[in-house]
């Protein structure tokens, strides 16, 4: 049963990790390690999880947001170092070989496969023992209990009662159920800094 849950988490993590829709372009996502950084480009060695055929990916960073997956805090290109583990979502224009970063996550780890980002919608219910909210895209209903670790982007504890519509979070999935919206039971959530 545990293997089935783990496999399901990885599947849903990969399926739901990218919430950007871009018309006329190809969106890819890769997990890997930084080989070099040069002239605003990051060269990654790793596994491309949404497209076949690459081992090395060259990504132009541009204005793409960079986040630390441990704290949720915003980072700069200068914070990226050689051999650092990275998860990157990128855009390939049709007929182009240049990958333009959409979002970059630093300090990716194997157990972070089931991580996605979500905004809190106006549909939120506060109870004494739990808080339930619908994601802004209406794909997930997030269930947070008093035991769920919730942190601000500054790595400080955040009460579930202080979660408000419009906040954006990294969600580490503990369990997810099929359905529409899917019920998500996180094992940790971290507010993303603006």
Protein backbone atom coordinates (compact mmCIF):
# COMPACT_ATOMS: atom_id res chain seq x y z
CA UNK A 1 0.00 0.00 0.00
CA UNK A 2 2.84 2.40 0.87
CA UNK A 3 4.46 1.81 -2.54
CA UNK A 4 1.12 2.51 -4.24
CA UNK A 5 0.71 5.77 -2.31
CA UNK A 6 4.31 6.79 -3.10
CA UNK A 7 3.85 6.02 -6.80
CA UNK A 8 0.58 7.95 -6.80
CA UNK A 9 2.24 10.93 -5.13
CA UNK A 10 5.05 11.01 -7.67
CA UNK A 11 2.56 10.73 -10.54
CA UNK A 12 0.35 13.52 -9.19
CA UNK A 13 3.37 15.62 -8.26
CA UNK A 14 4.68 15.44 -11.80
CA UNK A 15 1.24 15.94 -13.27
CA UNK A 16 0.32 18.96 -11.15
CA UNK A 17 3.70 20.57 -10.48
CA UNK A 18 3.44 22.99 -13.39
CA UNK A 19 0.38 25.21 -13.42
CA UNK A 20 1.46 27.49 -16.27
CA UNK A 21 -0.41 27.22 -19.57
CA UNK A 22 1.30 28.76 -22.59
CA UNK A 23 -0.40 28.71 -25.97
CA UNK A 24 1.71 27.84 -29.04
CA UNK A 25 4.80 26.93 -27.06
CA UNK A 26 6.24 23.81 -25.50
CA UNK A 27 6.56 23.78 -21.72
CA UNK A 28 9.20 21.48 -20.28
CA UNK A 29 10.34 20.68 -16.80
CA UNK A 30 13.65 19.24 -15.66
CA UNK A 31 15.20 17.92 -12.46
CA UNK A 32 18.95 18.04 -12.23
CA UNK A 33 22.19 19.63 -11.11
CA UNK A 34 23.88 22.82 -12.28
CA UNK A 35 26.86 22.23 -14.57
CA UNK A 36 27.73 25.89 -15.14
CA UNK A 37 26.30 29.41 -15.11
CA UNK A 38 27.30 31.75 -17.90
CA UNK A 39 25.91 35.02 -19.33
CA UNK A 40 22.49 34.64 -17.68
CA UNK A 41 22.15 30.98 -18.69
CA UNK A 42 22.07 27.91 -16.45
CA UNK A 43 23.37 24.64 -17.87
CA UNK A 44 21.71 21.66 -16.19
CA UNK A 45 22.52 17.95 -16.27
CA UNK A 46 19.49 15.93 -15.39
CA UNK A 47 16.26 14.20 -16.21
CA UNK A 48 13.71 16.02 -18.32
CA UNK A 49 10.36 14.98 -16.88
CA UNK A 50 7.95 16.49 -19.41
CA UNK A 51 9.84 15.90 -22.67
CA UNK A 52 12.18 13.17 -23.94
CA UNK A 53 15.56 13.48 -25.59
CA UNK A 54 17.66 15.77 -23.40
CA UNK A 55 20.34 15.06 -20.83
CA UNK A 56 21.71 18.59 -20.74
CA UNK A 57 19.44 21.63 -20.79
CA UNK A 58 20.55 25.22 -21.35
CA UNK A 59 18.05 27.64 -19.81
CA UNK A 60 17.98 31.43 -20.05
CA UNK A 61 16.97 32.76 -16.62
CA UNK A 62 15.76 36.25 -17.60
CA UNK A 63 13.10 37.54 -15.19
CA UNK A 64 11.92 34.09 -14.10
CA UNK A 65 11.27 33.81 -10.37
CA UNK A 66 13.75 31.68 -8.43
CA UNK A 67 12.58 30.05 -5.18
CA UNK A 68 14.25 28.02 -2.47
CA UNK A 69 12.22 24.81 -2.02
CA UNK A 70 13.28 24.53 1.62
CA UNK A 71 12.13 27.96 2.81
CA UNK A 72 9.98 29.21 -0.07
CA UNK A 73 11.99 32.44 -0.18
CA UNK A 74 12.84 34.29 -3.41
CA UNK A 75 16.42 33.99 -4.61
CA UNK A 76 18.60 35.65 -7.24
CA UNK A 77 20.70 34.20 -10.06
CA UNK A 78 23.80 34.86 -7.92
CA UNK A 79 22.42 32.40 -5.32
CA UNK A 80 22.66 29.51 -7.81
CA UNK A 81 25.90 27.54 -7.49
CA UNK A 82 27.62 24.75 -9.43
CA UNK A 83 26.33 21.24 -8.48
CA UNK A 84 23.25 22.72 -6.77
CA UNK A 85 20.13 20.60 -7.24
CA UNK A 86 17.50 22.39 -9.29
CA UNK A 87 14.01 21.89 -10.62
CA UNK A 88 13.18 24.17 -13.54
CA UNK A 89 10.11 24.81 -15.66
CA UNK A 90 10.95 26.33 -19.01
CA UNK A 91 9.44 27.41 -22.30
CA UNK A 92 10.60 26.39 -25.77
CA UNK A 93 9.23 28.50 -28.61
CA UNK A 94 8.21 26.32 -31.55
CA UNK A 95 11.20 25.77 -33.83
CA UNK A 96 13.56 27.30 -31.27
CA UNK A 97 16.23 25.55 -29.22
CA UNK A 98 16.46 28.28 -26.57
CA UNK A 99 14.79 27.34 -23.31
CA UNK A 100 13.40 30.36 -21.43
CA UNK A 101 12.89 29.76 -17.70
CA UNK A 102 9.37 30.10 -16.30
CA UNK A 103 10.20 29.18 -12.69
CA UNK A 104 13.32 27.78 -11.02
CA UNK A 105 13.31 25.95 -7.70
CA UNK A 106 16.59 25.48 -5.78
CA UNK A 107 17.53 22.65 -3.40
CA UNK A 108 15.28 20.08 -5.03
CA UNK A 109 15.45 16.66 -3.37
CA UNK A 110 14.21 13.23 -4.38
CA UNK A 111 11.36 13.36 -1.86
CA UNK A 112 10.17 16.70 -3.29
CA UNK A 113 8.72 15.03 -6.42
CA UNK A 114 5.20 15.69 -5.15
CA UNK A 115 5.49 19.46 -4.75
CA UNK A 116 3.30 22.02 -6.46
CA UNK A 117 2.36 25.66 -6.02
CA UNK A 118 -1.13 26.99 -5.43
CA UNK A 119 -3.02 30.17 -4.60
CA UNK A 120 -5.66 30.24 -1.87
CA UNK A 121 -9.07 31.13 -3.30
CA UNK A 122 -11.94 32.96 -1.59
CA UNK A 123 -13.43 29.53 -0.86
CA UNK A 124 -11.86 28.90 2.57
CA UNK A 125 -13.36 27.33 5.70
CA UNK A 126 -11.90 27.82 9.18
CA UNK A 127 -12.62 25.15 11.78
CA UNK A 128 -11.25 24.65 15.28
CA UNK A 129 -9.12 21.65 14.23
CA UNK A 130 -8.61 22.26 10.50
CA UNK A 131 -8.69 24.74 7.64
CA UNK A 132 -9.93 23.80 4.18
CA UNK A 133 -9.36 25.90 1.08
CA UNK A 134 -9.97 25.53 -2.62
CA UNK A 135 -7.04 26.38 -4.88
CA UNK A 136 -7.62 29.38 -7.13
CA UNK A 137 -7.62 27.11 -10.21
CA UNK A 138 -10.25 24.89 -8.50
CA UNK A 139 -8.12 21.73 -9.02
CA UNK A 140 -7.42 21.01 -5.33
CA UNK A 141 -9.13 21.22 -1.98
CA UNK A 142 -6.28 21.54 0.54
CA UNK A 143 -6.85 20.13 4.04
CA UNK A 144 -4.66 21.53 6.81
CA UNK A 145 -4.84 20.31 10.39
CA UNK A 146 -3.25 21.71 13.54
CA UNK A 147 -0.43 19.18 13.00
CA UNK A 148 0.39 20.33 9.44
CA UNK A 149 3.66 22.31 9.44
CA UNK A 150 2.90 25.71 7.89
CA UNK A 151 5.70 28.26 7.40
CA UNK A 152 6.09 31.80 6.09
CA UNK A 153 8.70 32.46 3.41
CA UNK A 154 10.98 33.62 6.25
CA UNK A 155 10.84 30.08 7.69
CA UNK A 156 8.66 31.11 10.65
CA UNK A 157 5.68 29.07 11.83
CA UNK A 158 2.34 30.32 10.55
CA UNK A 159 -0.98 29.52 12.21
CA UNK A 160 -3.45 27.85 9.85
CA UNK A 161 -6.01 30.41 11.04
CA UNK A 162 -3.88 33.19 9.46
CA UNK A 163 -4.10 31.73 5.95
CA UNK A 164 -6.02 34.15 3.75
CA UNK A 165 -7.29 34.24 0.14
CA UNK A 166 -4.63 35.39 -2.33
CA UNK A 167 -1.69 33.78 -0.48
CA UNK A 168 0.53 31.49 -2.56
CA UNK A 169 2.13 28.35 -1.16
CA UNK A 170 4.46 25.51 -2.03
CA UNK A 171 2.54 22.36 -1.08
CA UNK A 172 4.40 19.13 -0.25
CA UNK A 173 1.84 16.37 -0.76
CA UNK A 174 1.40 13.67 1.85
CA UNK A 175 -1.72 12.19 0.26
CA UNK A 176 -3.95 13.14 -2.65
CA UNK A 177 -7.23 11.58 -3.70
CA UNK A 178 -8.75 11.34 -7.14
CA UNK A 179 -11.70 13.57 -7.84
CA UNK A 180 -12.55 17.07 -8.92
CA UNK A 181 -11.34 18.90 -7.00
CA UNK A 182 -8.73 16.47 -5.66
CA UNK A 183 -8.44 16.34 -1.87
CA UNK A 184 -4.86 17.14 -0.86
CA UNK A 185 -3.37 16.38 2.57
CA UNK A 186 0.01 18.17 2.72
CA UNK A 187 2.85 17.17 5.02
CA UNK A 188 4.20 20.73 4.81
CA UNK A 189 3.32 24.03 3.17
CA UNK A 190 5.48 27.15 2.81
CA UNK A 191 4.26 30.60 1.81
CA UNK A 192 6.02 31.93 -1.28
CA UNK A 193 7.48 35.39 -0.86
CA UNK A 194 6.34 38.20 -3.17
